[in-house]
All heavy atoms as atom14 arrays in JSON, in Angstrom:
{
  "sequence": "NGISVTKSVVTYAAGEETANTSVVILYLLWLAAGAISG",
  "atom14_mask": [
    [1, 1, 1, 1, 1, 1, 1, 1, 0, 0, 0, 0, 0, 0],
    [1, 1, 1, 1, 0, 0, 0, 0, 0, 0, 0, 0, 0, 0],
    [1, 1, 1, 1, 1, 1, 1, 1, 0, 0, 0, 0, 0, 0],
    [1, 1, 1, 1, 1, 1, 0, 0, 0, 0, 0, 0, 0, 0],
    [1, 1, 1, 1, 1, 1, 1, 0, 0, 0, 0, 0, 0, 0],
    [1, 1, 1, 1, 1, 1, 1, 0, 0, 0, 0, 0, 0, 0],
    [1, 1, 1, 1, 1, 1, 1, 1, 1, 0, 0, 0, 0, 0],
    [1, 1, 1, 1, 1, 1, 0, 0, 0, 0, 0, 0, 0, 0],
    [1, 1, 1, 1, 1, 1, 1, 0, 0, 0, 0, 0, 0, 0],
    [1, 1, 1, 1, 1, 1, 1, 0, 0, 0, 0, 0, 0, 0],
    [1, 1, 1, 1, 1, 1, 1, 0, 0, 0, 0, 0, 0, 0],
    [1, 1, 1, 1, 1, 1, 1, 1, 1, 1, 1, 1, 0, 0],
    [1, 1, 1, 1, 1, 0, 0, 0, 0, 0, 0, 0, 0, 0],
    [1, 1, 1, 1, 1, 0, 0, 0, 0, 0, 0, 0, 0, 0],
    [1, 1, 1, 1, 0, 0, 0, 0, 0, 0, 0, 0, 0, 0],
    [1, 1, 1, 1, 1, 1, 1, 1, 1, 0, 0, 0, 0, 0],
    [1, 1, 1, 1, 1, 1, 1, 1, 1, 0, 0, 0, 0, 0],
    [1, 1, 1, 1, 1, 1, 1, 0, 0, 0, 0, 0, 0, 0],
    [1, 1, 1, 1, 1, 0, 0, 0, 0, 0, 0, 0, 0, 0],
    [1, 1, 1, 1, 1, 1, 1, 1, 0, 0, 0, 0, 0, 0],
    [1, 1, 1, 1, 1, 1, 1, 0, 0, 0, 0, 0, 0, 0],
    [1, 1, 1, 1, 1, 1, 0, 0, 0, 0, 0, 0, 0, 0],
    [1, 1, 1, 1, 1, 1, 1, 0, 0, 0, 0, 0, 0, 0],
    [1, 1, 1, 1, 1, 1, 1, 0, 0, 0, 0, 0, 0, 0],
    [1, 1, 1, 1, 1, 1, 1, 1, 0, 0, 0, 0, 0, 0],
    [1, 1, 1, 1, 1, 1, 1, 1, 0, 0, 0, 0, 0, 0],
    [1, 1, 1, 1, 1, 1, 1, 1, 1, 1, 1, 1, 0, 0],
    [1, 1, 1, 1, 1, 1, 1, 1, 0, 0, 0, 0, 0, 0],
    [1, 1, 1, 1, 1, 1, 1, 1, 0, 0, 0, 0, 0, 0],
    [1, 1, 1, 1, 1, 1, 1, 1, 1, 1, 1, 1, 1, 1],
    [1, 1, 1, 1, 1, 1, 1, 1, 0, 0, 0, 0, 0, 0],
    [1, 1, 1, 1, 1, 0, 0, 0, 0, 0, 0, 0, 0, 0],
    [1, 1, 1, 1, 1, 0, 0, 0, 0, 0, 0, 0, 0, 0],
    [1, 1, 1, 1, 0, 0, 0, 0, 0, 0, 0, 0, 0, 0],
    [1, 1, 1, 1, 1, 0, 0, 0, 0, 0, 0, 0, 0, 0],
    [1, 1, 1, 1, 1, 1, 1, 1, 0, 0, 0, 0, 0, 0],
    [1, 1, 1, 1, 1, 1, 0, 0, 0, 0, 0, 0, 0, 0],
    [1, 1, 1, 1, 0, 0, 0, 0, 0, 0, 0, 0, 0, 0]
  ],
  "atom14_positions": [
    [[106.38, -0.91, 340.6], [106.64, -0.36, 341.91], [107.91, -1.09, 342.43], [108.58, -0.56, 343.27], [105.39, -0.56, 342.8], [104.32, 0.38, 342.61], [104.42, 1.12, 341.57], [103.28, 0.28, 343.32], [0.0, 0.0, 0.0], [0.0, 0.0, 0.0], [0.0, 0.0, 0.0], [0.0, 0.0, 0.0], [0.0, 0.0, 0.0], [0.0, 0.0, 0.0]],
    [[107.99, -2.26, 342.09], [109.12, -3.16, 342.6], [110.52, -2.64, 342.2], [111.51, -2.91, 342.9], [0.0, 0.0, 0.0], [0.0, 0.0, 0.0], [0.0, 0.0, 0.0], [0.0, 0.0, 0.0], [0.0, 0.0, 0.0], [0.0, 0.0, 0.0], [0.0, 0.0, 0.0], [0.0, 0.0, 0.0], [0.0, 0.0, 0.0], [0.0, 0.0, 0.0]],
    [[110.51, -1.92, 341.12], [111.86, -1.25, 340.75], [112.4, -0.31, 341.78], [113.59, -0.42, 342.17], [111.81, -0.68, 339.29], [111.54, -1.73, 338.31], [113.1, 0.13, 338.97], [111.33, -1.23, 336.95], [0.0, 0.0, 0.0], [0.0, 0.0, 0.0], [0.0, 0.0, 0.0], [0.0, 0.0, 0.0], [0.0, 0.0, 0.0], [0.0, 0.0, 0.0]],
    [[111.52, 0.5, 342.23], [111.91, 1.41, 343.25], [112.26, 0.75, 344.55], [113.23, 1.12, 345.31], [110.9, 2.59, 343.53], [109.7, 1.97, 344.04], [0.0, 0.0, 0.0], [0.0, 0.0, 0.0], [0.0, 0.0, 0.0], [0.0, 0.0, 0.0], [0.0, 0.0, 0.0], [0.0, 0.0, 0.0], [0.0, 0.0, 0.0], [0.0, 0.0, 0.0]],
    [[111.54, -0.3, 344.89], [111.75, -1.09, 346.09], [113.09, -1.85, 346.02], [113.91, -1.91, 346.93], [110.66, -2.23, 346.26], [111.0, -3.19, 347.45], [109.3, -1.48, 346.57], [0.0, 0.0, 0.0], [0.0, 0.0, 0.0], [0.0, 0.0, 0.0], [0.0, 0.0, 0.0], [0.0, 0.0, 0.0], [0.0, 0.0, 0.0], [0.0, 0.0, 0.0]],
    [[113.34, -2.33, 344.71], [114.71, -3.0, 344.58], [115.83, -1.97, 344.89], [116.78, -2.36, 345.53], [114.77, -3.49, 343.1], [113.77, -4.45, 342.84], [116.11, -4.07, 342.8], [0.0, 0.0, 0.0], [0.0, 0.0, 0.0], [0.0, 0.0, 0.0], [0.0, 0.0, 0.0], [0.0, 0.0, 0.0], [0.0, 0.0, 0.0], [0.0, 0.0, 0.0]],
    [[115.65, -0.74, 344.46], [116.75, 0.25, 344.66], [116.95, 0.38, 346.21], [118.04, 0.46, 346.7], [116.36, 1.48, 343.99], [117.49, 2.5, 344.2], [117.25, 3.84, 343.4], [118.38, 4.82, 343.57], [118.04, 6.11, 342.79], [0.0, 0.0, 0.0], [0.0, 0.0, 0.0], [0.0, 0.0, 0.0], [0.0, 0.0, 0.0], [0.0, 0.0, 0.0]],
    [[115.79, 0.55, 346.89], [115.88, 0.72, 348.4], [116.54, -0.44, 349.07], [117.39, -0.3, 349.9], [114.44, 0.98, 348.96], [113.99, 2.25, 348.39], [0.0, 0.0, 0.0], [0.0, 0.0, 0.0], [0.0, 0.0, 0.0], [0.0, 0.0, 0.0], [0.0, 0.0, 0.0], [0.0, 0.0, 0.0], [0.0, 0.0, 0.0], [0.0, 0.0, 0.0]],
    [[116.04, -1.66, 348.8], [116.53, -2.89, 349.43], [117.95, -3.1, 349.18], [118.79, -3.39, 350.04], [115.66, -4.07, 349.01], [116.29, -5.37, 349.48], [114.23, -3.89, 349.54], [0.0, 0.0, 0.0], [0.0, 0.0, 0.0], [0.0, 0.0, 0.0], [0.0, 0.0, 0.0], [0.0, 0.0, 0.0], [0.0, 0.0, 0.0], [0.0, 0.0, 0.0]],
    [[118.42, -2.96, 347.84], [119.75, -3.21, 347.56], [120.69, -2.11, 348.09], [121.8, -2.27, 348.51], [119.96, -3.18, 345.92], [121.34, -3.37, 345.63], [119.16, -4.39, 345.42], [0.0, 0.0, 0.0], [0.0, 0.0, 0.0], [0.0, 0.0, 0.0], [0.0, 0.0, 0.0], [0.0, 0.0, 0.0], [0.0, 0.0, 0.0], [0.0, 0.0, 0.0]],
    [[120.17, -0.86, 348.18], [120.95, 0.2, 348.84], [121.23, -0.15, 350.27], [122.38, -0.06, 350.81], [120.2, 1.48, 348.77], [119.99, 1.91, 347.45], [120.96, 2.6, 349.63], [0.0, 0.0, 0.0], [0.0, 0.0, 0.0], [0.0, 0.0, 0.0], [0.0, 0.0, 0.0], [0.0, 0.0, 0.0], [0.0, 0.0, 0.0], [0.0, 0.0, 0.0]],
    [[120.26, -0.73, 350.97], [120.45, -1.18, 352.4], [121.38, -2.36, 352.45], [122.29, -2.35, 353.28], [119.12, -1.6, 353.01], [119.34, -2.44, 354.31], [119.7, -1.8, 355.44], [119.12, -3.88, 354.23], [119.82, -2.62, 356.63], [119.34, -4.57, 355.31], [119.67, -3.98, 356.48], [119.88, -4.66, 357.73], [0.0, 0.0, 0.0], [0.0, 0.0, 0.0]],
    [[121.38, -3.25, 351.48], [122.18, -4.42, 351.64], [123.53, -4.31, 351.1], [124.5, -4.88, 351.56], [121.41, -5.65, 350.79], [0.0, 0.0, 0.0], [0.0, 0.0, 0.0], [0.0, 0.0, 0.0], [0.0, 0.0, 0.0], [0.0, 0.0, 0.0], [0.0, 0.0, 0.0], [0.0, 0.0, 0.0], [0.0, 0.0, 0.0], [0.0, 0.0, 0.0]],
    [[123.69, -3.53, 349.99], [124.99, -3.42, 349.25], [125.44, -2.02, 348.91], [126.49, -1.87, 348.25], [125.01, -4.37, 348.0], [0.0, 0.0, 0.0], [0.0, 0.0, 0.0], [0.0, 0.0, 0.0], [0.0, 0.0, 0.0], [0.0, 0.0, 0.0], [0.0, 0.0, 0.0], [0.0, 0.0, 0.0], [0.0, 0.0, 0.0], [0.0, 0.0, 0.0]],
    [[124.75, -0.93, 349.23], [125.15, 0.33, 348.98], [124.53, 0.94, 347.77], [123.89, 0.2, 346.89], [0.0, 0.0, 0.0], [0.0, 0.0, 0.0], [0.0, 0.0, 0.0], [0.0, 0.0, 0.0], [0.0, 0.0, 0.0], [0.0, 0.0, 0.0], [0.0, 0.0, 0.0], [0.0, 0.0, 0.0], [0.0, 0.0, 0.0], [0.0, 0.0, 0.0]],
    [[124.56, 2.24, 347.65], [123.83, 3.05, 346.56], [124.35, 2.63, 345.17], [123.57, 2.54, 344.2], [123.9, 4.51, 346.8], [123.12, 5.26, 345.92], [123.1, 6.81, 346.29], [123.57, 7.16, 347.36], [122.5, 7.56, 345.47], [0.0, 0.0, 0.0], [0.0, 0.0, 0.0], [0.0, 0.0, 0.0], [0.0, 0.0, 0.0], [0.0, 0.0, 0.0]],
    [[125.62, 2.53, 345.05], [126.16, 2.19, 343.65], [125.72, 0.88, 343.13], [125.3, 0.75, 341.89], [127.78, 2.21, 343.73], [128.43, 2.15, 342.42], [130.06, 2.28, 342.45], [130.5, 2.64, 343.53], [130.57, 1.84, 341.54], [0.0, 0.0, 0.0], [0.0, 0.0, 0.0], [0.0, 0.0, 0.0], [0.0, 0.0, 0.0], [0.0, 0.0, 0.0]],
    [[125.7, -0.09, 343.92], [125.22, -1.43, 343.57], [123.78, -1.33, 343.24], [123.18, -1.88, 342.26], [125.39, -2.44, 344.62], [126.8, -2.47, 345.05], [125.01, -3.84, 344.16], [0.0, 0.0, 0.0], [0.0, 0.0, 0.0], [0.0, 0.0, 0.0], [0.0, 0.0, 0.0], [0.0, 0.0, 0.0], [0.0, 0.0, 0.0], [0.0, 0.0, 0.0]],
    [[122.98, -0.54, 344.03], [121.61, -0.34, 343.8], [121.29, 0.23, 342.41], [120.35, -0.19, 341.73], [120.98, 0.47, 344.92], [0.0, 0.0, 0.0], [0.0, 0.0, 0.0], [0.0, 0.0, 0.0], [0.0, 0.0, 0.0], [0.0, 0.0, 0.0], [0.0, 0.0, 0.0], [0.0, 0.0, 0.0], [0.0, 0.0, 0.0], [0.0, 0.0, 0.0]],
    [[122.02, 1.33, 342.18], [121.9, 2.01, 340.82], [122.16, 1.09, 339.7], [121.4, 1.03, 338.68], [122.72, 3.13, 340.68], [122.29, 4.26, 341.69], [121.25, 4.39, 342.0], [123.23, 5.18, 342.04], [0.0, 0.0, 0.0], [0.0, 0.0, 0.0], [0.0, 0.0, 0.0], [0.0, 0.0, 0.0], [0.0, 0.0, 0.0], [0.0, 0.0, 0.0]],
    [[123.2, 0.2, 339.91], [123.53, -0.76, 338.8], [122.46, -1.81, 338.67], [122.05, -2.24, 337.57], [124.86, -1.53, 339.17], [125.97, -0.52, 339.36], [125.32, -2.52, 338.12], [0.0, 0.0, 0.0], [0.0, 0.0, 0.0], [0.0, 0.0, 0.0], [0.0, 0.0, 0.0], [0.0, 0.0, 0.0], [0.0, 0.0, 0.0], [0.0, 0.0, 0.0]],
    [[121.88, -2.21, 339.78], [120.69, -3.12, 339.68], [119.59, -2.61, 338.99], [118.91, -3.36, 338.22], [120.34, -3.58, 341.18], [121.44, -4.18, 341.88], [0.0, 0.0, 0.0], [0.0, 0.0, 0.0], [0.0, 0.0, 0.0], [0.0, 0.0, 0.0], [0.0, 0.0, 0.0], [0.0, 0.0, 0.0], [0.0, 0.0, 0.0], [0.0, 0.0, 0.0]],
    [[119.2, -1.41, 339.19], [118.04, -0.77, 338.58], [118.36, -0.7, 337.07], [117.42, -0.95, 336.24], [117.77, 0.7, 339.12], [116.83, 1.33, 338.32], [117.3, 0.49, 340.65], [0.0, 0.0, 0.0], [0.0, 0.0, 0.0], [0.0, 0.0, 0.0], [0.0, 0.0, 0.0], [0.0, 0.0, 0.0], [0.0, 0.0, 0.0], [0.0, 0.0, 0.0]],
    [[119.51, -0.35, 336.62], [119.9, -0.2, 335.25], [119.7, -1.61, 334.56], [119.23, -1.72, 333.51], [121.29, 0.41, 335.06], [121.71, 0.2, 333.59], [121.39, 1.79, 335.49], [0.0, 0.0, 0.0], [0.0, 0.0, 0.0], [0.0, 0.0, 0.0], [0.0, 0.0, 0.0], [0.0, 0.0, 0.0], [0.0, 0.0, 0.0], [0.0, 0.0, 0.0]],
    [[120.19, -2.61, 335.29], [120.09, -3.97, 334.69], [118.63, -4.43, 334.62], [118.28, -4.97, 333.56], [120.81, -4.98, 335.6], [122.42, -4.81, 335.6], [120.55, -6.48, 335.24], [123.24, -5.54, 336.59], [0.0, 0.0, 0.0], [0.0, 0.0, 0.0], [0.0, 0.0, 0.0], [0.0, 0.0, 0.0], [0.0, 0.0, 0.0], [0.0, 0.0, 0.0]],
    [[117.86, -4.06, 335.59], [116.45, -4.42, 335.52], [115.78, -3.57, 334.28], [115.04, -4.3, 333.68], [115.69, -4.01, 336.79], [115.67, -4.96, 337.99], [115.04, -4.36, 339.25], [115.1, -6.2, 337.63], [0.0, 0.0, 0.0], [0.0, 0.0, 0.0], [0.0, 0.0, 0.0], [0.0, 0.0, 0.0], [0.0, 0.0, 0.0], [0.0, 0.0, 0.0]],
    [[116.12, -2.37, 334.13], [115.61, -1.62, 333.06], [115.83, -2.27, 331.73], [115.1, -2.48, 330.91], [116.19, -0.17, 333.12], [115.28, 0.82, 333.88], [114.61, 0.49, 335.07], [115.29, 2.14, 333.5], [113.88, 1.4, 335.72], [114.58, 3.07, 334.23], [113.81, 2.7, 335.3], [113.14, 3.6, 335.99], [0.0, 0.0, 0.0], [0.0, 0.0, 0.0]],
    [[117.19, -2.59, 331.59], [117.59, -3.19, 330.26], [116.93, -4.54, 330.02], [116.52, -4.86, 328.88], [119.06, -3.47, 330.43], [119.96, -2.11, 330.27], [121.43, -2.41, 330.4], [119.68, -1.22, 329.06], [0.0, 0.0, 0.0], [0.0, 0.0, 0.0], [0.0, 0.0, 0.0], [0.0, 0.0, 0.0], [0.0, 0.0, 0.0], [0.0, 0.0, 0.0]],
    [[116.85, -5.37, 331.04], [116.13, -6.6, 330.88], [114.64, -6.54, 330.52], [114.16, -7.16, 329.59], [116.25, -7.49, 332.25], [117.66, -8.04, 332.58], [117.68, -8.65, 333.89], [118.13, -9.08, 331.48], [0.0, 0.0, 0.0], [0.0, 0.0, 0.0], [0.0, 0.0, 0.0], [0.0, 0.0, 0.0], [0.0, 0.0, 0.0], [0.0, 0.0, 0.0]],
    [[113.97, -5.59, 331.19], [112.54, -5.42, 330.98], [112.48, -4.78, 329.49], [111.46, -5.11, 328.85], [111.86, -4.52, 331.97], [111.41, -5.18, 333.14], [111.88, -4.99, 334.44], [110.53, -6.32, 333.29], [111.25, -5.85, 335.3], [110.5, -6.66, 334.68], [109.8, -7.05, 332.31], [109.71, -7.72, 335.01], [108.93, -8.13, 332.77], [108.95, -8.47, 334.2]],
    [[113.26, -3.84, 329.16], [113.21, -3.14, 327.94], [113.33, -4.17, 326.73], [112.61, -4.17, 325.74], [114.31, -2.06, 327.69], [113.93, -0.78, 328.5], [115.12, 0.11, 328.5], [112.65, -0.01, 328.0], [0.0, 0.0, 0.0], [0.0, 0.0, 0.0], [0.0, 0.0, 0.0], [0.0, 0.0, 0.0], [0.0, 0.0, 0.0], [0.0, 0.0, 0.0]],
    [[114.34, -5.0, 327.0], [114.54, -6.1, 325.83], [113.37, -7.08, 325.82], [112.84, -7.35, 324.68], [115.88, -6.85, 326.22], [0.0, 0.0, 0.0], [0.0, 0.0, 0.0], [0.0, 0.0, 0.0], [0.0, 0.0, 0.0], [0.0, 0.0, 0.0], [0.0, 0.0, 0.0], [0.0, 0.0, 0.0], [0.0, 0.0, 0.0], [0.0, 0.0, 0.0]],
    [[112.89, -7.53, 326.98], [111.79, -8.49, 327.0], [110.56, -7.85, 326.45], [109.73, -8.45, 325.8], [111.54, -8.97, 328.46], [0.0, 0.0, 0.0], [0.0, 0.0, 0.0], [0.0, 0.0, 0.0], [0.0, 0.0, 0.0], [0.0, 0.0, 0.0], [0.0, 0.0, 0.0], [0.0, 0.0, 0.0], [0.0, 0.0, 0.0], [0.0, 0.0, 0.0]],
    [[110.31, -6.52, 326.86], [109.08, -5.89, 326.38], [109.07, -5.58, 324.83], [108.05, -5.7, 324.27], [0.0, 0.0, 0.0], [0.0, 0.0, 0.0], [0.0, 0.0, 0.0], [0.0, 0.0, 0.0], [0.0, 0.0, 0.0], [0.0, 0.0, 0.0], [0.0, 0.0, 0.0], [0.0, 0.0, 0.0], [0.0, 0.0, 0.0], [0.0, 0.0, 0.0]],
    [[110.2, -5.25, 324.36], [110.32, -4.99, 322.92], [110.03, -6.3, 322.08], [109.27, -6.31, 321.09], [111.62, -4.44, 322.57], [0.0, 0.0, 0.0], [0.0, 0.0, 0.0], [0.0, 0.0, 0.0], [0.0, 0.0, 0.0], [0.0, 0.0, 0.0], [0.0, 0.0, 0.0], [0.0, 0.0, 0.0], [0.0, 0.0, 0.0], [0.0, 0.0, 0.0]],
    [[110.64, -7.39, 322.53], [110.46, -8.7, 321.86], [108.95, -9.07, 322.07], [108.3, -9.51, 321.05], [111.31, -9.76, 322.41], [112.8, -9.43, 322.14], [110.95, -11.17, 321.9], [113.89, -10.36, 322.93], [0.0, 0.0, 0.0], [0.0, 0.0, 0.0], [0.0, 0.0, 0.0], [0.0, 0.0, 0.0], [0.0, 0.0, 0.0], [0.0, 0.0, 0.0]],
    [[108.42, -8.93, 323.29], [107.0, -9.28, 323.49], [106.04, -8.49, 322.72], [105.08, -9.01, 322.0], [106.65, -9.29, 324.98], [107.47, -10.09, 325.74], [0.0, 0.0, 0.0], [0.0, 0.0, 0.0], [0.0, 0.0, 0.0], [0.0, 0.0, 0.0], [0.0, 0.0, 0.0], [0.0, 0.0, 0.0], [0.0, 0.0, 0.0], [0.0, 0.0, 0.0]],
    [[106.36, -7.26, 322.55], [105.4, -6.38, 321.82], [105.49, -6.66, 320.38], [104.41, -6.59, 319.7], [0.0, 0.0, 0.0], [0.0, 0.0, 0.0], [0.0, 0.0, 0.0], [0.0, 0.0, 0.0], [0.0, 0.0, 0.0], [0.0, 0.0, 0.0], [0.0, 0.0, 0.0], [0.0, 0.0, 0.0], [0.0, 0.0, 0.0], [0.0, 0.0, 0.0]]
  ]
}
């Protein structure tokens, strides 16, 4: 749920473009960590 919250909070603080970038980074980090952990 925090991923969607991150997008909302970063959009407020730094704009939609930065928020989208932040979500992509989060996705990539979790995907890498999840693949290794799995």
